[in-house]
Amino acid sequence: MTQSTNGQQLTENRRKEIFFALVDAQDHEIDVAHSRRLMVERFGVSESQVRQIEREGMENQWPPLE
């Protein structure tokens, strides 16, 4: 399970929330790099965690991809 920058474990629901926000930002014409930085700031996670969540969400077809 992924940890946030404050050391807390990120639940699957929290990772799904981050993924949804990331996809939503990109759907609103925010480029990929900028959308990742926004998630870092908004959710207090690292960019590598955002990338990991992005991969996990795509592999598992999390909403809004369903």
PDB file of N, CA and C in Angstrom:
ATOM      1  N   MET A   1       0.853  -1.179   0.000  1.00  0.00           N
ATOM      2  CA  MET A   1       0.000   0.000   0.000  1.00  0.00           C
ATOM      3  C   MET A   1       0.895   1.237   0.000  1.00  0.00           C
ATOM      4  N   THR A   2       0.515   2.246  -0.701  1.00  0.00           N
ATOM      5  CA  THR A   2       1.280   3.474  -0.829  1.00  0.00           C
ATOM      6  C   THR A   2       1.113   4.336   0.411  1.00  0.00           C
ATOM      7  N   GLN A   3       2.195   5.023   0.817  1.00  0.00           N
ATOM      8  CA  GLN A   3       2.130   5.938   1.951  1.00  0.00           C
ATOM      9  C   GLN A   3       2.115   7.369   1.461  1.00  0.00           C
ATOM     10  N   SER A   4       1.402   8.232   2.180  1.00  0.00           N
ATOM     11  CA  SER A   4       1.438   9.664   1.879  1.00  0.00           C
ATOM     12  C   SER A   4       2.737  10.233   2.428  1.00  0.00           C
ATOM     13  N   THR A   5       3.030  11.479   2.103  1.00  0.00           N
ATOM     14  CA  THR A   5       4.273  12.079   2.558  1.00  0.00           C
ATOM     15  C   THR A   5       4.305  12.258   4.072  1.00  0.00           C
ATOM     16  N   ASN A   6       3.142  12.211   4.738  1.00  0.00           N
ATOM     17  CA  ASN A   6       3.140  12.304   6.195  1.00  0.00           C
ATOM     18  C   ASN A   6       3.258  10.933   6.851  1.00  0.00           C
ATOM     19  N   GLY A   7       3.493   9.885   6.065  1.00  0.00           N
ATOM     20  CA  GLY A   7       3.739   8.550   6.578  1.00  0.00           C
ATOM     21  C   GLY A   7       2.503   7.687   6.739  1.00  0.00           C
ATOM     22  N   GLN A   8       1.324   8.229   6.471  1.00  0.00           N
ATOM     23  CA  GLN A   8       0.105   7.447   6.599  1.00  0.00           C
ATOM     24  C   GLN A   8      -0.104   6.589   5.357  1.00  0.00           C
ATOM     25  N   GLN A   9      -0.692   5.410   5.580  1.00  0.00           N
ATOM     26  CA  GLN A   9      -1.013   4.521   4.468  1.00  0.00           C
ATOM     27  C   GLN A   9      -2.156   5.112   3.650  1.00  0.00           C
ATOM     28  N   LEU A  10      -2.068   4.997   2.337  1.00  0.00           N
ATOM     29  CA  LEU A  10      -3.153   5.438   1.457  1.00  0.00           C
ATOM     30  C   LEU A  10      -4.051   4.242   1.176  1.00  0.00           C
ATOM     31  N   THR A  11      -5.293   4.346   1.574  1.00  0.00           N
ATOM     32  CA  THR A  11      -6.241   3.270   1.316  1.00  0.00           C
ATOM     33  C   THR A  11      -6.555   3.221  -0.178  1.00  0.00           C
ATOM     34  N   GLU A  12      -7.170   2.131  -0.579  1.00  0.00           N
ATOM     35  CA  GLU A  12      -7.578   2.023  -1.971  1.00  0.00           C
ATOM     36  C   GLU A  12      -8.568   3.128  -2.320  1.00  0.00           C
ATOM     37  N   ASN A  13      -9.480   3.432  -1.416  1.00  0.00           N
ATOM     38  CA  ASN A  13     -10.441   4.508  -1.681  1.00  0.00           C
ATOM     39  C   ASN A  13      -9.744   5.845  -1.886  1.00  0.00           C
ATOM     40  N   ARG A  14      -8.717   6.119  -1.085  1.00  0.00           N
ATOM     41  CA  ARG A  14      -7.974   7.379  -1.226  1.00  0.00           C
ATOM     42  C   ARG A  14      -7.215   7.388  -2.548  1.00  0.00           C
ATOM     43  N   ARG A  15      -6.607   6.266  -2.923  1.00  0.00           N
ATOM     44  CA  ARG A  15      -5.892   6.194  -4.199  1.00  0.00           C
ATOM     45  C   ARG A  15      -6.863   6.393  -5.359  1.00  0.00           C
ATOM     46  N   LYS A  16      -8.061   5.820  -5.243  1.00  0.00           N
ATOM     47  CA  LYS A  16      -9.081   6.000  -6.284  1.00  0.00           C
ATOM     48  C   LYS A  16      -9.510   7.457  -6.367  1.00  0.00           C
ATOM     49  N   GLU A  17      -9.610   8.119  -5.229  1.00  0.00           N
ATOM     50  CA  GLU A  17      -9.958   9.543  -5.206  1.00  0.00           C
ATOM     51  C   GLU A  17      -8.890  10.374  -5.923  1.00  0.00           C
ATOM     52  N   ILE A  18      -7.634  10.055  -5.668  1.00  0.00           N
ATOM     53  CA  ILE A  18      -6.529  10.756  -6.328  1.00  0.00           C
ATOM     54  C   ILE A  18      -6.554  10.482  -7.823  1.00  0.00           C
ATOM     55  N   PHE A  19      -6.773   9.231  -8.199  1.00  0.00           N
ATOM     56  CA  PHE A  19      -6.830   8.878  -9.619  1.00  0.00           C
ATOM     57  C   PHE A  19      -7.963   9.604 -10.320  1.00  0.00           C
ATOM     58  N   PHE A  20      -9.135   9.620  -9.699  1.00  0.00           N
ATOM     59  CA  PHE A  20     -10.285  10.302 -10.287  1.00  0.00           C
ATOM     60  C   PHE A  20      -9.968  11.780 -10.508  1.00  0.00           C
ATOM     61  N   ALA A  21      -9.379  12.420  -9.502  1.00  0.00           N
ATOM     62  CA  ALA A  21      -9.034  13.841  -9.615  1.00  0.00           C
ATOM     63  C   ALA A  21      -7.993  14.068 -10.708  1.00  0.00           C
ATOM     64  N   LEU A  22      -7.045  13.155 -10.832  1.00  0.00           N
ATOM     65  CA  LEU A  22      -6.017  13.270 -11.863  1.00  0.00           C
ATOM     66  C   LEU A  22      -6.627  13.182 -13.256  1.00  0.00           C
ATOM     67  N   VAL A  23      -7.463  12.188 -13.480  1.00  0.00           N
ATOM     68  CA  VAL A  23      -8.106  12.021 -14.792  1.00  0.00           C
ATOM     69  C   VAL A  23      -9.022  13.204 -15.086  1.00  0.00           C
ATOM     70  N   ASP A  24      -9.749  13.653 -14.079  1.00  0.00           N
ATOM     71  CA  ASP A  24     -10.643  14.795 -14.250  1.00  0.00           C
ATOM     72  C   ASP A  24      -9.856  16.042 -14.666  1.00  0.00           C
ATOM     73  N   ALA A  25      -8.733  16.272 -14.020  1.00  0.00           N
ATOM     74  CA  ALA A  25      -7.898  17.429 -14.379  1.00  0.00           C
ATOM     75  C   ALA A  25      -7.437  17.321 -15.831  1.00  0.00           C
ATOM     76  N   GLN A  26      -7.006  16.133 -16.236  1.00  0.00           N
ATOM     77  CA  GLN A  26      -6.536  15.941 -17.613  1.00  0.00           C
ATOM     78  C   GLN A  26      -7.687  16.067 -18.608  1.00  0.00           C
ATOM     79  N   ASP A  27      -8.872  15.659 -18.208  1.00  0.00           N
ATOM     80  CA  ASP A  27     -10.050  15.816 -19.071  1.00  0.00           C
ATOM     81  C   ASP A  27     -10.415  17.286 -19.268  1.00  0.00           C
ATOM     82  N   HIS A  28      -9.986  18.119 -18.329  1.00  0.00           N
ATOM     83  CA  HIS A  28     -10.246  19.551 -18.434  1.00  0.00           C
ATOM     84  C   HIS A  28      -9.038  20.295 -19.014  1.00  0.00           C
ATOM     85  N   GLU A  29      -8.305  19.578 -19.848  1.00  0.00           N
ATOM     86  CA  GLU A  29      -7.218  20.126 -20.659  1.00  0.00           C
ATOM     87  C   GLU A  29      -6.024  20.642 -19.861  1.00  0.00           C
ATOM     88  N   ILE A  30      -5.802  20.058 -18.685  1.00  0.00           N
ATOM     89  CA  ILE A  30      -4.567  20.328 -17.950  1.00  0.00           C
ATOM     90  C   ILE A  30      -3.585  19.252 -18.380  1.00  0.00           C
ATOM     91  N   ASP A  31      -2.386  19.675 -18.798  1.00  0.00           N
ATOM     92  CA  ASP A  31      -1.439  18.680 -19.305  1.00  0.00           C
ATOM     93  C   ASP A  31      -1.022  17.717 -18.192  1.00  0.00           C
ATOM     94  N   VAL A  32      -0.495  16.573 -18.606  1.00  0.00           N
ATOM     95  CA  VAL A  32      -0.195  15.479 -17.687  1.00  0.00           C
ATOM     96  C   VAL A  32       0.764  15.924 -16.577  1.00  0.00           C
ATOM     97  N   ALA A  33       1.858  16.561 -16.935  1.00  0.00           N
ATOM     98  CA  ALA A  33       2.847  16.972 -15.935  1.00  0.00           C
ATOM     99  C   ALA A  33       2.243  17.932 -14.917  1.00  0.00           C
ATOM    100  N   HIS A  34       1.475  18.897 -15.392  1.00  0.00           N
ATOM    101  CA  HIS A  34       0.855  19.866 -14.483  1.00  0.00           C
ATOM    102  C   HIS A  34      -0.192  19.196 -13.602  1.00  0.00           C
ATOM    103  N   SER A  35      -0.968  18.276 -14.161  1.00  0.00           N
ATOM    104  CA  SER A  35      -1.999  17.597 -13.375  1.00  0.00           C
ATOM    105  C   SER A  35      -1.355  16.765 -12.263  1.00  0.00           C
ATOM    106  N   ARG A  36      -0.223  16.157 -12.538  1.00  0.00           N
ATOM    107  CA  ARG A  36       0.480  15.395 -11.501  1.00  0.00           C
ATOM    108  C   ARG A  36       0.948  16.309 -10.381  1.00  0.00           C
ATOM    109  N   ARG A  37       1.497  17.471 -10.743  1.00  0.00           N
ATOM    110  CA  ARG A  37       1.945  18.432  -9.721  1.00  0.00           C
ATOM    111  C   ARG A  37       0.768  18.908  -8.874  1.00  0.00           C
ATOM    112  N   LEU A  38      -0.379  19.116  -9.505  1.00  0.00           N
ATOM    113  CA  LEU A  38      -1.569  19.526  -8.764  1.00  0.00           C
ATOM    114  C   LEU A  38      -1.979  18.470  -7.735  1.00  0.00           C
ATOM    115  N   MET A  39      -1.873  17.194  -8.101  1.00  0.00           N
ATOM    116  CA  MET A  39      -2.232  16.118  -7.176  1.00  0.00           C
ATOM    117  C   MET A  39      -1.250  16.052  -6.013  1.00  0.00           C
ATOM    118  N   VAL A  40       0.020  16.303  -6.288  1.00  0.00           N
ATOM    119  CA  VAL A  40       1.033  16.347  -5.229  1.00  0.00           C
ATOM    120  C   VAL A  40       0.647  17.399  -4.196  1.00  0.00           C
ATOM    121  N   GLU A  41       0.297  18.578  -4.680  1.00  0.00           N
ATOM    122  CA  GLU A  41      -0.069  19.680  -3.787  1.00  0.00           C
ATOM    123  C   GLU A  41      -1.401  19.407  -3.076  1.00  0.00           C
ATOM    124  N   ARG A  42      -2.375  18.936  -3.805  1.00  0.00           N
ATOM    125  CA  ARG A  42      -3.726  18.760  -3.255  1.00  0.00           C
ATOM    126  C   ARG A  42      -3.817  17.642  -2.227  1.00  0.00           C
ATOM    127  N   PHE A  43      -3.118  16.525  -2.503  1.00  0.00           N
ATOM    128  CA  PHE A  43      -3.275  15.342  -1.658  1.00  0.00           C
ATOM    129  C   PHE A  43      -2.075  15.047  -0.767  1.00  0.00           C
ATOM    130  N   GLY A  44      -0.999  15.815  -0.892  1.00  0.00           N
ATOM    131  CA  GLY A  44       0.157  15.613  -0.030  1.00  0.00           C
ATOM    132  C   GLY A  44       0.887  14.305  -0.272  1.00  0.00           C
ATOM    133  N   VAL A  45       0.982  13.918  -1.534  1.00  0.00           N
ATOM    134  CA  VAL A  45       1.716  12.716  -1.922  1.00  0.00           C
ATOM    135  C   VAL A  45       2.859  13.131  -2.830  1.00  0.00           C
ATOM    136  N   SER A  46       3.788  12.225  -3.076  1.00  0.00           N
ATOM    137  CA  SER A  46       4.909  12.529  -3.963  1.00  0.00           C
ATOM    138  C   SER A  46       4.508  12.303  -5.420  1.00  0.00           C
ATOM    139  N   GLU A  47       5.289  12.848  -6.322  1.00  0.00           N
ATOM    140  CA  GLU A  47       4.999  12.635  -7.742  1.00  0.00           C
ATOM    141  C   GLU A  47       5.148  11.165  -8.112  1.00  0.00           C
ATOM    142  N   SER A  48       6.100  10.474  -7.510  1.00  0.00           N
ATOM    143  CA  SER A  48       6.243   9.044  -7.813  1.00  0.00           C
ATOM    144  C   SER A  48       5.014   8.268  -7.339  1.00  0.00           C
ATOM    145  N   GLN A  49       4.413   8.688  -6.224  1.00  0.00           N
ATOM    146  CA  GLN A  49       3.185   8.038  -5.762  1.00  0.00           C
ATOM    147  C   GLN A  49       2.040   8.317  -6.734  1.00  0.00           C
ATOM    148  N   VAL A  50       1.965   9.547  -7.230  1.00  0.00           N
ATOM    149  CA  VAL A  50       0.922   9.874  -8.205  1.00  0.00           C
ATOM    150  C   VAL A  50       1.086   8.994  -9.440  1.00  0.00           C
ATOM    151  N   ARG A  51       2.319   8.831  -9.900  1.00  0.00           N
ATOM    152  CA  ARG A  51       2.566   7.975 -11.068  1.00  0.00           C
ATOM    153  C   ARG A  51       2.160   6.529 -10.790  1.00  0.00           C
ATOM    154  N   GLN A  52       2.467   6.042  -9.591  1.00  0.00           N
ATOM    155  CA  GLN A  52       2.098   4.683  -9.217  1.00  0.00           C
ATOM    156  C   GLN A  52       0.576   4.534  -9.173  1.00  0.00           C
ATOM    157  N   ILE A  53      -0.105   5.511  -8.606  1.00  0.00           N
ATOM    158  CA  ILE A  53      -1.565   5.498  -8.542  1.00  0.00           C
ATOM    159  C   ILE A  53      -2.147   5.568  -9.954  1.00  0.00           C
ATOM    160  N   GLU A  54      -1.530   6.366 -10.802  1.00  0.00           N
ATOM    161  CA  GLU A  54      -1.973   6.491 -12.198  1.00  0.00           C
ATOM    162  C   GLU A  54      -1.897   5.130 -12.900  1.00  0.00           C
ATOM    163  N   ARG A  55      -0.777   4.437 -12.730  1.00  0.00           N
ATOM    164  CA  ARG A  55      -0.615   3.110 -13.339  1.00  0.00           C
ATOM    165  C   ARG A  55      -1.643   2.124 -12.785  1.00  0.00           C
ATOM    166  N   GLU A  56      -1.797   2.120 -11.457  1.00  0.00           N
ATOM    167  CA  GLU A  56      -2.734   1.210 -10.815  1.00  0.00           C
ATOM    168  C   GLU A  56      -4.163   1.461 -11.299  1.00  0.00           C
ATOM    169  N   GLY A  57      -4.537   2.723 -11.388  1.00  0.00           N
ATOM    170  CA  GLY A  57      -5.877   3.070 -11.845  1.00  0.00           C
ATOM    171  C   GLY A  57      -6.132   2.656 -13.278  1.00  0.00           C
ATOM    172  N   MET A  58      -5.132   2.842 -14.128  1.00  0.00           N
ATOM    173  CA  MET A  58      -5.292   2.461 -15.535  1.00  0.00           C
ATOM    174  C   MET A  58      -5.366   0.945 -15.678  1.00  0.00           C
ATOM    175  N   GLU A  59      -4.508   0.234 -14.944  1.00  0.00           N
ATOM    176  CA  GLU A  59      -4.502  -1.231 -15.022  1.00  0.00           C
ATOM    177  C   GLU A  59      -5.818  -1.830 -14.531  1.00  0.00           C
ATOM    178  N   ASN A  60      -6.413  -1.199 -13.530  1.00  0.00           N
ATOM    179  CA  ASN A  60      -7.637  -1.733 -12.923  1.00  0.00           C
ATOM    180  C   ASN A  60      -8.910  -1.066 -13.426  1.00  0.00           C
ATOM    181  N   GLN A  61      -8.752  -0.151 -14.392  1.00  0.00           N
ATOM    182  CA  GLN A  61      -9.905   0.548 -14.979  1.00  0.00           C
ATOM    183  C   GLN A  61     -10.782   1.198 -13.919  1.00  0.00           C
ATOM    184  N   TRP A  62     -10.128   1.917 -12.995  1.00  0.00           N
ATOM    185  CA  TRP A  62     -10.870   2.636 -11.967  1.00  0.00           C
ATOM    186  C   TRP A  62     -11.684   3.757 -12.585  1.00  0.00           C
ATOM    187  N   PRO A  63     -12.766   4.153 -11.909  1.00  0.00           N
ATOM    188  CA  PRO A  63     -13.542   5.298 -12.381  1.00  0.00           C
ATOM    189  C   PRO A  63     -12.646   6.529 -12.461  1.00  0.00           C
ATOM    190  N   PRO A  64     -12.799   7.293 -13.450  1.00  0.00           N
ATOM    191  CA  PRO A  64     -13.902   7.359 -14.399  1.00  0.00           C
ATOM    192  C   PRO A  64     -13.679   6.556 -15.670  1.00  0.00           C
ATOM    193  N   LEU A  65     -12.716   5.637 -15.680  1.00  0.00           N
ATOM    194  CA  LEU A  65     -12.411   4.886 -16.906  1.00  0.00           C
ATOM    195  C   LEU A  65     -13.404   3.766 -17.195  1.00  0.00           C
ATOM    196  N   GLU A  66     -14.125   3.291 -16.206  1.00  0.00           N
ATOM    197  CA  GLU A  66     -15.006   2.130 -16.381  1.00  0.00           C
ATOM    198  C   GLU A  66     -15.913   2.245 -17.571  1.00  0.00           C
TER     199      GLU A  66
END
